[in-house]
Amino acid sequence: MGDHVAAHAQRKLLYQFHFDPDSGFKSAVALPGGQIFVGGGILAYLDSEDQLAAVLGREIEHVALNHCRDRLIQVLSDQHLSADDADKLDIELFMPGYGYDNEFAADREGVKLAM
């Protein structure tokens, strides 16, 4: 499903999709470069492949709209790290939302992508 949705993305990257079976992970998260993680908890809420496509489309759009990149730059700056120190980053820093406008943009474009 991820590859099918990503094939239509405006930003052509090698998107890679990962599943975390933890039922407590009730979300999906995208990282710079196209790494997309989907938690087992969010899948429990989905009733169809169309809904999964919308979730994946939204995360792909966070990458395409540079929300992930901008967050990475901010976190590196806040922690006084260079790109070479990226392995020291905690994934939890990428879990909070991107603010109303960015979330709305990812929702809007992600639904278009899923369609």
PDB file of N, CA and C in Angstrom:
ATOM      1  N   MET A   1       0.822  -1.183   0.000  1.00  0.00           N
ATOM      2  CA  MET A   1       0.000   0.000   0.000  1.00  0.00           C
ATOM      3  C   MET A   1       0.874   1.258   0.000  1.00  0.00           C
ATOM      4  N   GLY A   2       1.893   1.266   0.826  1.00  0.00           N
ATOM      5  CA  GLY A   2       2.777   2.425   0.904  1.00  0.00           C
ATOM      6  C   GLY A   2       3.431   2.744  -0.418  1.00  0.00           C
ATOM      7  N   ASP A   3       3.933   1.716  -1.094  1.00  0.00           N
ATOM      8  CA  ASP A   3       4.584   1.939  -2.386  1.00  0.00           C
ATOM      9  C   ASP A   3       3.604   2.477  -3.414  1.00  0.00           C
ATOM     10  N   HIS A   4       2.367   2.006  -3.366  1.00  0.00           N
ATOM     11  CA  HIS A   4       1.348   2.467  -4.312  1.00  0.00           C
ATOM     12  C   HIS A   4       1.052   3.949  -4.096  1.00  0.00           C
ATOM     13  N   VAL A   5       0.880   4.359  -2.861  1.00  0.00           N
ATOM     14  CA  VAL A   5       0.607   5.764  -2.560  1.00  0.00           C
ATOM     15  C   VAL A   5       1.828   6.622  -2.893  1.00  0.00           C
ATOM     16  N   ALA A   6       3.004   6.165  -2.502  1.00  0.00           N
ATOM     17  CA  ALA A   6       4.231   6.934  -2.724  1.00  0.00           C
ATOM     18  C   ALA A   6       4.544   7.121  -4.201  1.00  0.00           C
ATOM     19  N   ALA A   7       4.083   6.201  -5.045  1.00  0.00           N
ATOM     20  CA  ALA A   7       4.341   6.320  -6.489  1.00  0.00           C
ATOM     21  C   ALA A   7       3.763   7.601  -7.064  1.00  0.00           C
ATOM     22  N   HIS A   8       2.783   8.187  -6.381  1.00  0.00           N
ATOM     23  CA  HIS A   8       2.125   9.395  -6.864  1.00  0.00           C
ATOM     24  C   HIS A   8       2.561  10.643  -6.106  1.00  0.00           C
ATOM     25  N   ALA A   9       3.537  10.501  -5.235  1.00  0.00           N
ATOM     26  CA  ALA A   9       3.995  11.629  -4.419  1.00  0.00           C
ATOM     27  C   ALA A   9       4.669  12.674  -5.288  1.00  0.00           C
ATOM     28  N   GLN A  10       4.495  13.933  -4.906  1.00  0.00           N
ATOM     29  CA  GLN A  10       5.133  15.021  -5.638  1.00  0.00           C
ATOM     30  C   GLN A  10       6.655  14.998  -5.464  1.00  0.00           C
ATOM     31  N   ARG A  11       7.094  14.549  -4.326  1.00  0.00           N
ATOM     32  CA  ARG A  11       8.529  14.471  -4.062  1.00  0.00           C
ATOM     33  C   ARG A  11       8.960  13.024  -4.223  1.00  0.00           C
ATOM     34  N   LYS A  12       9.762  12.785  -5.206  1.00  0.00           N
ATOM     35  CA  LYS A  12      10.189  11.420  -5.531  1.00  0.00           C
ATOM     36  C   LYS A  12      11.382  11.026  -4.669  1.00  0.00           C
ATOM     37  N   LEU A  13      11.110  10.187  -3.706  1.00  0.00           N
ATOM     38  CA  LEU A  13      12.129   9.641  -2.816  1.00  0.00           C
ATOM     39  C   LEU A  13      11.935   8.139  -2.748  1.00  0.00           C
ATOM     40  N   LEU A  14      12.903   7.472  -2.202  1.00  0.00           N
ATOM     41  CA  LEU A  14      12.748   6.049  -1.925  1.00  0.00           C
ATOM     42  C   LEU A  14      12.081   5.944  -0.547  1.00  0.00           C
ATOM     43  N   TYR A  15      10.757   6.071  -0.536  1.00  0.00           N
ATOM     44  CA  TYR A  15      10.012   5.971   0.717  1.00  0.00           C
ATOM     45  C   TYR A  15      10.092   4.536   1.214  1.00  0.00           C
ATOM     46  N   GLN A  16      10.336   4.391   2.495  1.00  0.00           N
ATOM     47  CA  GLN A  16      10.393   3.067   3.106  1.00  0.00           C
ATOM     48  C   GLN A  16       9.411   3.040   4.261  1.00  0.00           C
ATOM     49  N   PHE A  17       8.647   1.971   4.333  1.00  0.00           N
ATOM     50  CA  PHE A  17       7.569   1.858   5.301  1.00  0.00           C
ATOM     51  C   PHE A  17       7.904   0.773   6.312  1.00  0.00           C
ATOM     52  N   HIS A  18       7.660   1.094   7.573  1.00  0.00           N
ATOM     53  CA  HIS A  18       7.986   0.201   8.670  1.00  0.00           C
ATOM     54  C   HIS A  18       6.767   0.056   9.564  1.00  0.00           C
ATOM     55  N   PHE A  19       6.547  -1.155  10.050  1.00  0.00           N
ATOM     56  CA  PHE A  19       5.435  -1.439  10.944  1.00  0.00           C
ATOM     57  C   PHE A  19       5.970  -1.749  12.326  1.00  0.00           C
ATOM     58  N   ASP A  20       5.421  -1.070  13.316  1.00  0.00           N
ATOM     59  CA  ASP A  20       5.740  -1.356  14.714  1.00  0.00           C
ATOM     60  C   ASP A  20       4.491  -1.976  15.334  1.00  0.00           C
ATOM     61  N   PRO A  21       4.526  -3.262  15.697  1.00  0.00           N
ATOM     62  CA  PRO A  21       3.322  -3.947  16.169  1.00  0.00           C
ATOM     63  C   PRO A  21       2.828  -3.503  17.552  1.00  0.00           C
ATOM     64  N   ASP A  22       3.532  -2.623  18.212  1.00  0.00           N
ATOM     65  CA  ASP A  22       3.138  -2.158  19.541  1.00  0.00           C
ATOM     66  C   ASP A  22       1.744  -1.524  19.491  1.00  0.00           C
ATOM     67  N   SER A  23       0.799  -2.109  20.188  1.00  0.00           N
ATOM     68  CA  SER A  23      -0.571  -1.585  20.185  1.00  0.00           C
ATOM     69  C   SER A  23      -0.664  -0.228  20.887  1.00  0.00           C
ATOM     70  N   GLY A  24       0.350   0.132  21.638  1.00  0.00           N
ATOM     71  CA  GLY A  24       0.385   1.444  22.273  1.00  0.00           C
ATOM     72  C   GLY A  24       0.834   2.553  21.336  1.00  0.00           C
ATOM     73  N   PHE A  25       1.398   2.175  20.198  1.00  0.00           N
ATOM     74  CA  PHE A  25       1.843   3.155  19.198  1.00  0.00           C
ATOM     75  C   PHE A  25       0.654   3.427  18.287  1.00  0.00           C
ATOM     76  N   LYS A  26      -0.144   4.423  18.668  1.00  0.00           N
ATOM     77  CA  LYS A  26      -1.412   4.716  17.997  1.00  0.00           C
ATOM     78  C   LYS A  26      -1.262   5.876  17.033  1.00  0.00           C
ATOM     79  N   SER A  27      -0.219   5.817  16.241  1.00  0.00           N
ATOM     80  CA  SER A  27       0.067   6.914  15.332  1.00  0.00           C
ATOM     81  C   SER A  27       0.902   6.408  14.171  1.00  0.00           C
ATOM     82  N   ALA A  28       1.262   7.354  13.329  1.00  0.00           N
ATOM     83  CA  ALA A  28       2.241   7.120  12.267  1.00  0.00           C
ATOM     84  C   ALA A  28       3.175   8.321  12.309  1.00  0.00           C
ATOM     85  N   VAL A  29       4.401   8.112  11.914  1.00  0.00           N
ATOM     86  CA  VAL A  29       5.377   9.195  11.960  1.00  0.00           C
ATOM     87  C   VAL A  29       6.287   9.081  10.746  1.00  0.00           C
ATOM     88  N   ALA A  30       6.660  10.234  10.224  1.00  0.00           N
ATOM     89  CA  ALA A  30       7.579  10.287   9.087  1.00  0.00           C
ATOM     90  C   ALA A  30       8.872  10.949   9.523  1.00  0.00           C
ATOM     91  N   LEU A  31       9.956  10.457   8.996  1.00  0.00           N
ATOM     92  CA  LEU A  31      11.266  11.034   9.272  1.00  0.00           C
ATOM     93  C   LEU A  31      11.857  11.566   7.972  1.00  0.00           C
ATOM     94  N   PRO A  32      12.768  12.516   8.072  1.00  0.00           N
ATOM     95  CA  PRO A  32      13.380  13.056   6.869  1.00  0.00           C
ATOM     96  C   PRO A  32      13.963  11.947   5.998  1.00  0.00           C
ATOM     97  N   GLY A  33      13.838  12.110   4.711  1.00  0.00           N
ATOM     98  CA  GLY A  33      14.375  11.128   3.783  1.00  0.00           C
ATOM     99  C   GLY A  33      13.367  10.079   3.372  1.00  0.00           C
ATOM    100  N   GLY A  34      12.178  10.075   3.991  1.00  0.00           N
ATOM    101  CA  GLY A  34      11.130   9.178   3.549  1.00  0.00           C
ATOM    102  C   GLY A  34      10.926   7.919   4.362  1.00  0.00           C
ATOM    103  N   GLN A  35      11.448   7.869   5.575  1.00  0.00           N
ATOM    104  CA  GLN A  35      11.194   6.736   6.456  1.00  0.00           C
ATOM    105  C   GLN A  35       9.837   6.964   7.131  1.00  0.00           C
ATOM    106  N   ILE A  36       8.905   6.039   6.938  1.00  0.00           N
ATOM    107  CA  ILE A  36       7.556   6.167   7.489  1.00  0.00           C
ATOM    108  C   ILE A  36       7.298   4.983   8.419  1.00  0.00           C
ATOM    109  N   PHE A  37       6.873   5.287   9.647  1.00  0.00           N
ATOM    110  CA  PHE A  37       6.585   4.263  10.644  1.00  0.00           C
ATOM    111  C   PHE A  37       5.101   4.295  10.979  1.00  0.00           C
ATOM    112  N   VAL A  38       4.497   3.120  11.007  1.00  0.00           N
ATOM    113  CA  VAL A  38       3.081   2.990  11.338  1.00  0.00           C
ATOM    114  C   VAL A  38       2.968   2.051  12.540  1.00  0.00           C
ATOM    115  N   GLY A  39       2.243   2.510  13.541  1.00  0.00           N
ATOM    116  CA  GLY A  39       2.088   1.722  14.751  1.00  0.00           C
ATOM    117  C   GLY A  39       0.896   0.785  14.697  1.00  0.00           C
ATOM    118  N   GLY A  40       1.031  -0.328  15.398  1.00  0.00           N
ATOM    119  CA  GLY A  40      -0.048  -1.302  15.473  1.00  0.00           C
ATOM    120  C   GLY A  40      -1.307  -0.725  16.085  1.00  0.00           C
ATOM    121  N   GLY A  41      -1.160   0.246  16.961  1.00  0.00           N
ATOM    122  CA  GLY A  41      -2.319   0.860  17.592  1.00  0.00           C
ATOM    123  C   GLY A  41      -3.195   1.623  16.629  1.00  0.00           C
ATOM    124  N   ILE A  42      -2.607   2.292  15.670  1.00  0.00           N
ATOM    125  CA  ILE A  42      -3.433   3.048  14.710  1.00  0.00           C
ATOM    126  C   ILE A  42      -4.137   2.102  13.743  1.00  0.00           C
ATOM    127  N   LEU A  43      -3.498   1.001  13.424  1.00  0.00           N
ATOM    128  CA  LEU A  43      -4.130   0.053  12.503  1.00  0.00           C
ATOM    129  C   LEU A  43      -5.417  -0.518  13.092  1.00  0.00           C
ATOM    130  N   ALA A  44      -5.490  -0.593  14.414  1.00  0.00           N
ATOM    131  CA  ALA A  44      -6.697  -1.104  15.063  1.00  0.00           C
ATOM    132  C   ALA A  44      -7.893  -0.190  14.827  1.00  0.00           C
ATOM    133  N   TYR A  45      -7.648   1.080  14.513  1.00  0.00           N
ATOM    134  CA  TYR A  45      -8.720   2.039  14.260  1.00  0.00           C
ATOM    135  C   TYR A  45      -9.178   2.047  12.805  1.00  0.00           C
ATOM    136  N   LEU A  46      -8.390   1.459  11.918  1.00  0.00           N
ATOM    137  CA  LEU A  46      -8.684   1.541  10.492  1.00  0.00           C
ATOM    138  C   LEU A  46      -9.591   0.406  10.048  1.00  0.00           C
ATOM    139  N   ASP A  47     -10.521   0.742   9.153  1.00  0.00           N
ATOM    140  CA  ASP A  47     -11.473  -0.246   8.654  1.00  0.00           C
ATOM    141  C   ASP A  47     -11.239  -0.630   7.200  1.00  0.00           C
ATOM    142  N   SER A  48     -10.345   0.087   6.522  1.00  0.00           N
ATOM    143  CA  SER A  48     -10.180  -0.184   5.092  1.00  0.00           C
ATOM    144  C   SER A  48      -8.790   0.217   4.619  1.00  0.00           C
ATOM    145  N   GLU A  49      -8.451  -0.277   3.442  1.00  0.00           N
ATOM    146  CA  GLU A  49      -7.190   0.120   2.818  1.00  0.00           C
ATOM    147  C   GLU A  49      -7.216   1.602   2.450  1.00  0.00           C
ATOM    148  N   ASP A  50      -8.397   2.131   2.139  1.00  0.00           N
ATOM    149  CA  ASP A  50      -8.509   3.554   1.832  1.00  0.00           C
ATOM    150  C   ASP A  50      -8.082   4.405   3.021  1.00  0.00           C
ATOM    151  N   GLN A  51      -8.471   3.995   4.220  1.00  0.00           N
ATOM    152  CA  GLN A  51      -8.080   4.730   5.415  1.00  0.00           C
ATOM    153  C   GLN A  51      -6.575   4.638   5.638  1.00  0.00           C
ATOM    154  N   LEU A  52      -6.009   3.460   5.393  1.00  0.00           N
ATOM    155  CA  LEU A  52      -4.560   3.306   5.509  1.00  0.00           C
ATOM    156  C   LEU A  52      -3.862   4.191   4.477  1.00  0.00           C
ATOM    157  N   ALA A  53      -4.388   4.255   3.266  1.00  0.00           N
ATOM    158  CA  ALA A  53      -3.808   5.110   2.226  1.00  0.00           C
ATOM    159  C   ALA A  53      -3.806   6.573   2.673  1.00  0.00           C
ATOM    160  N   ALA A  54      -4.867   7.008   3.343  1.00  0.00           N
ATOM    161  CA  ALA A  54      -4.930   8.382   3.831  1.00  0.00           C
ATOM    162  C   ALA A  54      -3.878   8.639   4.907  1.00  0.00           C
ATOM    163  N   VAL A  55      -3.692   7.688   5.809  1.00  0.00           N
ATOM    164  CA  VAL A  55      -2.666   7.820   6.856  1.00  0.00           C
ATOM    165  C   VAL A  55      -1.279   7.900   6.213  1.00  0.00           C
ATOM    166  N   LEU A  56      -1.001   7.003   5.279  1.00  0.00           N
ATOM    167  CA  LEU A  56       0.310   6.995   4.613  1.00  0.00           C
ATOM    168  C   LEU A  56       0.507   8.248   3.776  1.00  0.00           C
ATOM    169  N   GLY A  57      -0.547   8.671   3.078  1.00  0.00           N
ATOM    170  CA  GLY A  57      -0.459   9.887   2.273  1.00  0.00           C
ATOM    171  C   GLY A  57      -0.124  11.098   3.120  1.00  0.00           C
ATOM    172  N   ARG A  58      -0.723  11.177   4.272  1.00  0.00           N
ATOM    173  CA  ARG A  58      -0.458  12.283   5.196  1.00  0.00           C
ATOM    174  C   ARG A  58       1.005  12.297   5.628  1.00  0.00           C
ATOM    175  N   GLU A  59       1.548  11.143   5.957  1.00  0.00           N
ATOM    176  CA  GLU A  59       2.948  11.085   6.387  1.00  0.00           C
ATOM    177  C   GLU A  59       3.900  11.385   5.231  1.00  0.00           C
ATOM    178  N   ILE A  60       3.570  10.881   4.050  1.00  0.00           N
ATOM    179  CA  ILE A  60       4.381  11.189   2.866  1.00  0.00           C
ATOM    180  C   ILE A  60       4.402  12.695   2.636  1.00  0.00           C
ATOM    181  N   GLU A  61       3.263  13.337   2.816  1.00  0.00           N
ATOM    182  CA  GLU A  61       3.187  14.786   2.615  1.00  0.00           C
ATOM    183  C   GLU A  61       3.966  15.552   3.671  1.00  0.00           C
ATOM    184  N   HIS A  62       4.051  15.027   4.893  1.00  0.00           N
ATOM    185  CA  HIS A  62       4.904  15.692   5.883  1.00  0.00           C
ATOM    186  C   HIS A  62       6.349  15.727   5.380  1.00  0.00           C
ATOM    187  N   VAL A  63       6.774  14.662   4.711  1.00  0.00           N
ATOM    188  CA  VAL A  63       8.123  14.633   4.135  1.00  0.00           C
ATOM    189  C   VAL A  63       8.200  15.598   2.959  1.00  0.00           C
ATOM    190  N   ALA A  64       7.234  15.497   2.045  1.00  0.00           N
ATOM    191  CA  ALA A  64       7.247  16.308   0.821  1.00  0.00           C
ATOM    192  C   ALA A  64       7.178  17.805   1.119  1.00  0.00           C
ATOM    193  N   LEU A  65       6.451  18.168   2.159  1.00  0.00           N
ATOM    194  CA  LEU A  65       6.302  19.580   2.522  1.00  0.00           C
ATOM    195  C   LEU A  65       7.423  20.069   3.441  1.00  0.00           C
ATOM    196  N   ASN A  66       8.414  19.227   3.643  1.00  0.00           N
ATOM    197  CA  ASN A  66       9.613  19.545   4.429  1.00  0.00           C
ATOM    198  C   ASN A  66       9.354  19.761   5.918  1.00  0.00           C
ATOM    199  N   HIS A  67       8.224  19.294   6.409  1.00  0.00           N
ATOM    200  CA  HIS A  67       7.973  19.420   7.840  1.00  0.00           C
ATOM    201  C   HIS A  67       8.995  18.620   8.634  1.00  0.00           C
ATOM    202  N   CYS A  68       9.316  17.425   8.158  1.00  0.00           N
ATOM    203  CA  CYS A  68      10.282  16.563   8.853  1.00  0.00           C
ATOM    204  C   CYS A  68      11.675  17.174   8.826  1.00  0.00           C
ATOM    205  N   ARG A  69      12.057  17.683   7.667  1.00  0.00           N
ATOM    206  CA  ARG A  69      13.378  18.308   7.539  1.00  0.00           C
ATOM    207  C   ARG A  69      13.494  19.512   8.466  1.00  0.00           C
ATOM    208  N   ASP A  70      12.456  20.340   8.465  1.00  0.00           N
ATOM    209  CA  ASP A  70      12.486  21.529   9.311  1.00  0.00           C
ATOM    210  C   ASP A  70      12.578  21.152  10.786  1.00  0.00           C
ATOM    211  N   ARG A  71      11.856  20.085  11.188  1.00  0.00           N
ATOM    212  CA  ARG A  71      11.929  19.628  12.577  1.00  0.00           C
ATOM    213  C   ARG A  71      13.340  19.142  12.892  1.00  0.00           C
ATOM    214  N   LEU A  72      13.944  18.387  11.976  1.00  0.00           N
ATOM    215  CA  LEU A  72      15.303  17.886  12.188  1.00  0.00           C
ATOM    216  C   LEU A  72      16.278  19.038  12.362  1.00  0.00           C
ATOM    217  N   ILE A  73      16.182  20.030  11.513  1.00  0.00           N
ATOM    218  CA  ILE A  73      17.076  21.192  11.621  1.00  0.00           C
ATOM    219  C   ILE A  73      16.895  21.872  12.972  1.00  0.00           C
ATOM    220  N   GLN A  74      15.647  22.030  13.403  1.00  0.00           N
ATOM    221  CA  GLN A  74      15.374  22.681  14.682  1.00  0.00           C
ATOM    222  C   GLN A  74      15.934  21.874  15.849  1.00  0.00           C
ATOM    223  N   VAL A  75      15.712  20.556  15.826  1.00  0.00           N
ATOM    224  CA  VAL A  75      16.197  19.704  16.918  1.00  0.00           C
ATOM    225  C   VAL A  75      17.732  19.715  16.956  1.00  0.00           C
ATOM    226  N   LEU A  76      18.368  19.591  15.808  1.00  0.00           N
ATOM    227  CA  LEU A  76      19.836  19.630  15.774  1.00  0.00           C
ATOM    228  C   LEU A  76      20.349  20.960  16.329  1.00  0.00           C
ATOM    229  N   SER A  77      19.707  22.038  15.941  1.00  0.00           N
ATOM    230  CA  SER A  77      20.109  23.355  16.422  1.00  0.00           C
ATOM    231  C   SER A  77      19.895  23.483  17.930  1.00  0.00           C
ATOM    232  N   ASP A  78      18.718  23.069  18.392  1.00  0.00           N
ATOM    233  CA  ASP A  78      18.412  23.172  19.830  1.00  0.00           C
ATOM    234  C   ASP A  78      19.385  22.367  20.678  1.00  0.00           C
ATOM    235  N   GLN A  79      19.836  21.228  20.162  1.00  0.00           N
ATOM    236  CA  GLN A  79      20.734  20.360  20.927  1.00  0.00           C
ATOM    237  C   GLN A  79      22.206  20.592  20.578  1.00  0.00           C
ATOM    238  N   HIS A  80      22.458  21.588  19.747  1.00  0.00           N
ATOM    239  CA  HIS A  80      23.829  21.931  19.346  1.00  0.00           C
ATOM    240  C   HIS A  80      24.556  20.730  18.750  1.00  0.00           C
ATOM    241  N   LEU A  81      23.851  20.038  17.839  1.00  0.00           N
ATOM    242  CA  LEU A  81      24.405  18.870  17.172  1.00  0.00           C
ATOM    243  C   LEU A  81      24.586  19.166  15.689  1.00  0.00           C
ATOM    244  N   SER A  82      25.480  18.428  15.061  1.00  0.00           N
ATOM    245  CA  SER A  82      25.647  18.522  13.617  1.00  0.00           C
ATOM    246  C   SER A  82      24.925  17.349  12.965  1.00  0.00           C
ATOM    247  N   ALA A  83      24.834  17.365  11.663  1.00  0.00           N
ATOM    248  CA  ALA A  83      24.196  16.258  10.939  1.00  0.00           C
ATOM    249  C   ALA A  83      24.922  14.940  11.222  1.00  0.00           C
ATOM    250  N   ASP A  84      26.206  15.001  11.486  1.00  0.00           N
ATOM    251  CA  ASP A  84      26.979  13.791  11.802  1.00  0.00           C
ATOM    252  C   ASP A  84      26.550  13.162  13.131  1.00  0.00           C
ATOM    253  N   ASP A  85      25.843  13.939  13.962  1.00  0.00           N
ATOM    254  CA  ASP A  85      25.400  13.448  15.260  1.00  0.00           C
ATOM    255  C   ASP A  85      23.963  12.930  15.233  1.00  0.00           C
ATOM    256  N   ALA A  86      23.394  12.780  14.049  1.00  0.00           N
ATOM    257  CA  ALA A  86      21.979  12.404  13.928  1.00  0.00           C
ATOM    258  C   ALA A  86      21.656  11.096  14.644  1.00  0.00           C
ATOM    259  N   ASP A  87      22.625  10.211  14.768  1.00  0.00           N
ATOM    260  CA  ASP A  87      22.375   8.939  15.450  1.00  0.00           C
ATOM    261  C   ASP A  87      22.124   9.129  16.947  1.00  0.00           C
ATOM    262  N   LYS A  88      22.393  10.309  17.468  1.00  0.00           N
ATOM    263  CA  LYS A  88      22.165  10.592  18.883  1.00  0.00           C
ATOM    264  C   LYS A  88      20.760  11.116  19.157  1.00  0.00           C
ATOM    265  N   LEU A  89      19.985  11.326  18.102  1.00  0.00           N
ATOM    266  CA  LEU A  89      18.651  11.884  18.264  1.00  0.00           C
ATOM    267  C   LEU A  89      17.673  10.847  18.778  1.00  0.00           C
ATOM    268  N   ASP A  90      16.731  11.299  19.575  1.00  0.00           N
ATOM    269  CA  ASP A  90      15.673  10.459  20.118  1.00  0.00           C
ATOM    270  C   ASP A  90      14.457  10.591  19.210  1.00  0.00           C
ATOM    271  N   ILE A  91      13.914   9.480  18.729  1.00  0.00           N
ATOM    272  CA  ILE A  91      12.771   9.516  17.818  1.00  0.00           C
ATOM    273  C   ILE A  91      11.569  10.208  18.460  1.00  0.00           C
ATOM    274  N   GLU A  92      11.502  10.207  19.777  1.00  0.00           N
ATOM    275  CA  GLU A  92      10.389  10.860  20.471  1.00  0.00           C
ATOM    276  C   GLU A  92      10.305  12.349  20.136  1.00  0.00           C
ATOM    277  N   LEU A  93      11.416  12.941  19.762  1.00  0.00           N
ATOM    278  CA  LEU A  93      11.422  14.359  19.406  1.00  0.00           C
ATOM    279  C   LEU A  93      10.656  14.627  18.110  1.00  0.00           C
ATOM    280  N   PHE A  94      10.396  13.562  17.343  1.00  0.00           N
ATOM    281  CA  PHE A  94       9.684  13.709  16.078  1.00  0.00           C
ATOM    282  C   PHE A  94       8.209  13.339  16.195  1.00  0.00           C
ATOM    283  N   MET A  95       7.757  12.986  17.375  1.00  0.00           N
ATOM    284  CA  MET A  95       6.379  12.547  17.564  1.00  0.00           C
ATOM    285  C   MET A  95       5.366  13.690  17.710  1.00  0.00           C
ATOM    286  N   PRO A  96       5.737  14.815  18.327  1.00  0.00           N
ATOM    287  CA  PRO A  96       4.736  15.879  18.467  1.00  0.00           C
ATOM    288  C   PRO A  96       4.305  16.402  17.093  1.00  0.00           C
ATOM    289  N   GLY A  97       3.164  17.033  17.061  1.00  0.00           N
ATOM    290  CA  GLY A  97       2.655  17.571  15.801  1.00  0.00           C
ATOM    291  C   GLY A  97       3.504  18.717  15.273  1.00  0.00           C
ATOM    292  N   TYR A  98       3.146  19.131  14.066  1.00  0.00           N
ATOM    293  CA  TYR A  98       3.888  20.190  13.391  1.00  0.00           C
ATOM    294  C   TYR A  98       3.162  21.532  13.436  1.00  0.00           C
ATOM    295  N   GLY A  99       2.144  21.653  14.253  1.00  0.00           N
ATOM    296  CA  GLY A  99       1.367  22.880  14.323  1.00  0.00           C
ATOM    297  C   GLY A  99       0.156  22.804  13.401  1.00  0.00           C
ATOM    298  N   TYR A 100      -0.850  23.598  13.708  1.00  0.00           N
ATOM    299  CA  TYR A 100      -2.132  23.523  13.005  1.00  0.00           C
ATOM    300  C   TYR A 100      -1.988  23.656  11.489  1.00  0.00           C
ATOM    301  N   ASP A 101      -1.309  24.694  11.030  1.00  0.00           N
ATOM    302  CA  ASP A 101      -1.215  24.940   9.588  1.00  0.00           C
ATOM    303  C   ASP A 101      -0.510  23.804   8.855  1.00  0.00           C
ATOM    304  N   ASN A 102       0.573  23.305   9.415  1.00  0.00           N
ATOM    305  CA  ASN A 102       1.312  22.216   8.764  1.00  0.00           C
ATOM    306  C   ASN A 102       0.529  20.906   8.812  1.00  0.00           C
ATOM    307  N   GLU A 103      -0.150  20.648   9.927  1.00  0.00           N
ATOM    308  CA  GLU A 103      -0.959  19.432  10.019  1.00  0.00           C
ATOM    309  C   GLU A 103      -2.112  19.488   9.014  1.00  0.00           C
ATOM    310  N   PHE A 104      -2.738  20.649   8.901  1.00  0.00           N
ATOM    311  CA  PHE A 104      -3.836  20.802   7.955  1.00  0.00           C
ATOM    312  C   PHE A 104      -3.345  20.616   6.522  1.00  0.00           C
ATOM    313  N   ALA A 105      -2.183  21.187   6.200  1.00  0.00           N
ATOM    314  CA  ALA A 105      -1.613  21.038   4.852  1.00  0.00           C
ATOM    315  C   ALA A 105      -1.315  19.569   4.545  1.00  0.00           C
ATOM    316  N   ALA A 106      -0.742  18.849   5.505  1.00  0.00           N
ATOM    317  CA  ALA A 106      -0.440  17.426   5.296  1.00  0.00           C
ATOM    318  C   ALA A 106      -1.722  16.617   5.159  1.00  0.00           C
ATOM    319  N   ASP A 107      -2.743  16.960   5.939  1.00  0.00           N
ATOM    320  CA  ASP A 107      -4.037  16.277   5.813  1.00  0.00           C
ATOM    321  C   ASP A 107      -4.623  16.507   4.418  1.00  0.00           C
ATOM    322  N   ARG A 108      -4.672  17.769   4.002  1.00  0.00           N
ATOM    323  CA  ARG A 108      -5.262  18.127   2.706  1.00  0.00           C
ATOM    324  C   ARG A 108      -4.536  17.438   1.556  1.00  0.00           C
ATOM    325  N   GLU A 109      -3.225  17.562   1.522  1.00  0.00           N
ATOM    326  CA  GLU A 109      -2.448  16.990   0.419  1.00  0.00           C
ATOM    327  C   GLU A 109      -2.390  15.469   0.523  1.00  0.00           C
ATOM    328  N   GLY A 110      -2.388  14.940   1.750  1.00  0.00           N
ATOM    329  CA  GLY A 110      -2.354  13.501   1.938  1.00  0.00           C
ATOM    330  C   GLY A 110      -3.615  12.818   1.428  1.00  0.00           C
ATOM    331  N   VAL A 111      -4.772  13.456   1.619  1.00  0.00           N
ATOM    332  CA  VAL A 111      -6.026  12.897   1.105  1.00  0.00           C
ATOM    333  C   VAL A 111      -6.005  12.913  -0.418  1.00  0.00           C
ATOM    334  N   LYS A 112      -5.513  14.000  -1.000  1.00  0.00           N
ATOM    335  CA  LYS A 112      -5.407  14.061  -2.466  1.00  0.00           C
ATOM    336  C   LYS A 112      -4.495  12.946  -2.974  1.00  0.00           C
ATOM    337  N   LEU A 113      -3.394  12.745  -2.292  1.00  0.00           N
ATOM    338  CA  LEU A 113      -2.442  11.711  -2.681  1.00  0.00           C
ATOM    339  C   LEU A 113      -3.075  10.327  -2.556  1.00  0.00           C
ATOM    340  N   ALA A 114      -3.809  10.099  -1.492  1.00  0.00           N
ATOM    341  CA  ALA A 114      -4.454   8.802  -1.280  1.00  0.00           C
ATOM    342  C   ALA A 114      -5.504   8.521  -2.353  1.00  0.00           C
ATOM    343  N   MET A 115      -6.163   9.565  -2.815  1.00  0.00           N
ATOM    344  CA  MET A 115      -7.193   9.378  -3.852  1.00  0.00           C
ATOM    345  C   MET A 115      -6.560   8.992  -5.165  1.00  0.00           C
TER     346      MET A 115
END
